[in-house]
Protein backbone atom coordinates (compact mmCIF):
# COMPACT_ATOMS: atom_id res chain seq x y z
CA UNK A 1 -86.47 -38.67 -56.33
CA UNK A 2 -84.03 -36.79 -54.10
CA UNK A 3 -84.99 -33.38 -52.78
CA UNK A 4 -82.68 -30.39 -52.99
CA UNK A 5 -81.90 -30.85 -49.30
CA UNK A 6 -80.77 -34.44 -49.92
CA UNK A 7 -78.39 -33.24 -52.63
CA UNK A 8 -77.04 -30.24 -50.73
CA UNK A 9 -73.88 -30.21 -48.66
CA UNK A 10 -74.81 -28.38 -45.45
CA UNK A 11 -72.72 -27.22 -42.52
CA UNK A 12 -71.57 -30.68 -41.41
CA UNK A 13 -70.26 -31.49 -44.88
CA UNK A 14 -68.36 -28.19 -44.97
CA UNK A 15 -66.74 -29.04 -41.64
CA UNK A 16 -65.91 -32.58 -42.79
CA UNK A 17 -64.19 -31.22 -45.92
CA UNK A 18 -62.18 -28.66 -43.95
CA UNK A 19 -61.07 -31.24 -41.37
CA UNK A 20 -59.72 -33.40 -44.20
CA UNK A 21 -57.28 -30.76 -45.41
CA UNK A 22 -53.72 -30.79 -44.05
CA UNK A 23 -53.04 -28.24 -41.32
CA UNK A 24 -56.47 -26.62 -41.68
CA UNK A 25 -57.46 -24.98 -38.41
CA UNK A 26 -60.94 -23.94 -37.36
CA UNK A 27 -61.20 -20.77 -35.33
CA UNK A 28 -63.19 -20.27 -32.18
CA UNK A 29 -66.89 -20.92 -32.68
CA UNK A 30 -68.95 -17.76 -32.96
CA UNK A 31 -70.85 -15.83 -35.58
CA UNK A 32 -68.13 -16.46 -38.16
CA UNK A 33 -65.70 -19.32 -37.74
CA UNK A 34 -62.47 -18.65 -39.60
CA UNK A 35 -60.62 -21.46 -41.32
CA UNK A 36 -56.87 -21.06 -41.78
CA UNK A 37 -53.84 -22.90 -42.99
CA UNK A 38 -50.57 -21.83 -41.35
CA UNK A 39 -52.20 -18.66 -40.08
CA UNK A 40 -53.74 -17.55 -43.38
CA UNK A 41 -57.51 -17.55 -43.89
CA UNK A 42 -59.10 -19.39 -46.78
CA UNK A 43 -62.71 -19.85 -45.62
CA UNK A 44 -65.27 -18.69 -43.10
CA UNK A 45 -68.42 -20.35 -41.85
CA UNK A 46 -71.56 -18.69 -40.55
CA UNK A 47 -73.34 -21.70 -39.13
CA UNK A 48 -76.44 -19.72 -38.09
CA UNK A 49 -77.02 -18.54 -41.66
CA UNK A 50 -75.80 -21.75 -43.28
CA UNK A 51 -73.31 -19.97 -45.50
CA UNK A 52 -69.60 -20.26 -46.12
CA UNK A 53 -67.22 -17.79 -47.68
CA UNK A 54 -64.28 -19.19 -49.60
CA UNK A 55 -61.32 -17.61 -51.32
CA UNK A 56 -61.38 -17.86 -55.11
CA UNK A 57 -59.69 -16.37 -58.13
CA UNK A 58 -61.72 -13.45 -59.43
CA UNK A 59 -62.58 -15.19 -62.72
CA UNK A 60 -63.78 -18.28 -60.85
CA UNK A 61 -65.94 -16.20 -58.54
CA UNK A 62 -67.58 -14.40 -61.45
CA UNK A 63 -68.22 -17.71 -63.25
CA UNK A 64 -69.85 -19.20 -60.14
CA UNK A 65 -72.09 -16.20 -59.54
CA UNK A 66 -73.06 -16.11 -63.21
CA UNK A 67 -73.75 -19.84 -63.23
CA UNK A 68 -76.04 -19.93 -60.20
CA UNK A 69 -76.77 -16.71 -58.29
CA UNK A 70 -79.19 -18.60 -56.02
CA UNK A 71 -76.22 -20.50 -54.58
CA UNK A 72 -73.25 -18.14 -55.03
CA UNK A 73 -72.90 -14.42 -54.32
CA UNK A 74 -69.98 -12.04 -54.48
CA UNK A 75 -68.31 -11.05 -51.27
CA UNK A 76 -65.32 -8.76 -50.78
CA UNK A 77 -62.25 -8.64 -53.00
CA UNK A 78 -58.68 -8.63 -51.77
CA UNK A 79 -55.98 -8.15 -54.37
CA UNK A 80 -56.14 -10.85 -57.01
CA UNK A 81 -58.63 -12.90 -55.00
CA UNK A 82 -62.33 -12.59 -54.54
CA UNK A 83 -64.43 -14.24 -51.91
CA UNK A 84 -67.59 -16.06 -52.80
CA UNK A 85 -70.45 -16.72 -50.42
CA UNK A 86 -71.98 -20.18 -50.77
CA UNK A 87 -75.42 -21.21 -49.54
CA UNK A 88 -74.62 -24.59 -48.06
CA UNK A 89 -78.21 -25.80 -48.30
CA UNK A 90 -78.08 -25.41 -52.08
CA UNK A 91 -74.63 -26.59 -53.18
CA UNK A 92 -73.82 -30.21 -54.08
CA UNK A 93 -71.22 -31.83 -51.79
CA UNK A 94 -68.76 -32.56 -54.61
CA UNK A 95 -68.82 -28.94 -55.80
CA UNK A 96 -68.36 -27.68 -52.25
CA UNK A 97 -65.38 -30.02 -51.77
CA UNK A 98 -63.81 -28.72 -54.96
CA UNK A 99 -64.29 -25.07 -53.97
CA UNK A 100 -63.02 -25.47 -50.39
CA UNK A 101 -60.02 -27.50 -51.54
CA UNK A 102 -59.17 -24.93 -54.20
CA UNK A 103 -59.39 -22.14 -51.59
CA UNK A 104 -56.99 -24.13 -49.40
CA UNK A 105 -54.63 -24.61 -52.38
CA UNK A 106 -54.65 -20.86 -53.08
CA UNK A 107 -53.60 -20.21 -49.48
CA UNK A 108 -51.38 -23.06 -48.30
CA UNK A 109 -47.62 -23.01 -48.92
CA UNK A 110 -46.66 -24.51 -52.28
CA UNK A 111 -44.78 -27.46 -50.76
CA UNK A 112 -47.76 -28.42 -48.60
CA UNK A 113 -50.05 -28.28 -51.63
CA UNK A 114 -47.64 -30.42 -53.64
CA UNK A 115 -47.47 -33.01 -50.85
CA UNK A 116 -51.26 -33.07 -50.58
CA UNK A 117 -51.78 -33.45 -54.33
CA UNK A 118 -49.12 -36.18 -54.56
CA UNK A 119 -50.98 -38.14 -51.88
CA UNK A 120 -54.39 -37.93 -53.57
């Protein structure tokens, strides 16, 4: 039987997902590493704490927090978007990939998103 750790994504998986997205740029390593696409942030990583923050629609954020508050917590809100904090040691890799990719899609220019989705 797999342990929770075996099923969880972790920091390296987060970085692998981000590096697979077109034009995603990692900021300078530090307490919080910002992740941007064309200068606009869509995720942050706190490697020391093993958490990531990703941009989400407010309804999605509330659904995630309601579904599993041990994994997801509310972070700040900016306009029509909310940010959700994800415990990387508790989230499955496929769910993390979906959330990070969606955050990228909410931030990247429409044409870049269309090109990415056409190539999938």
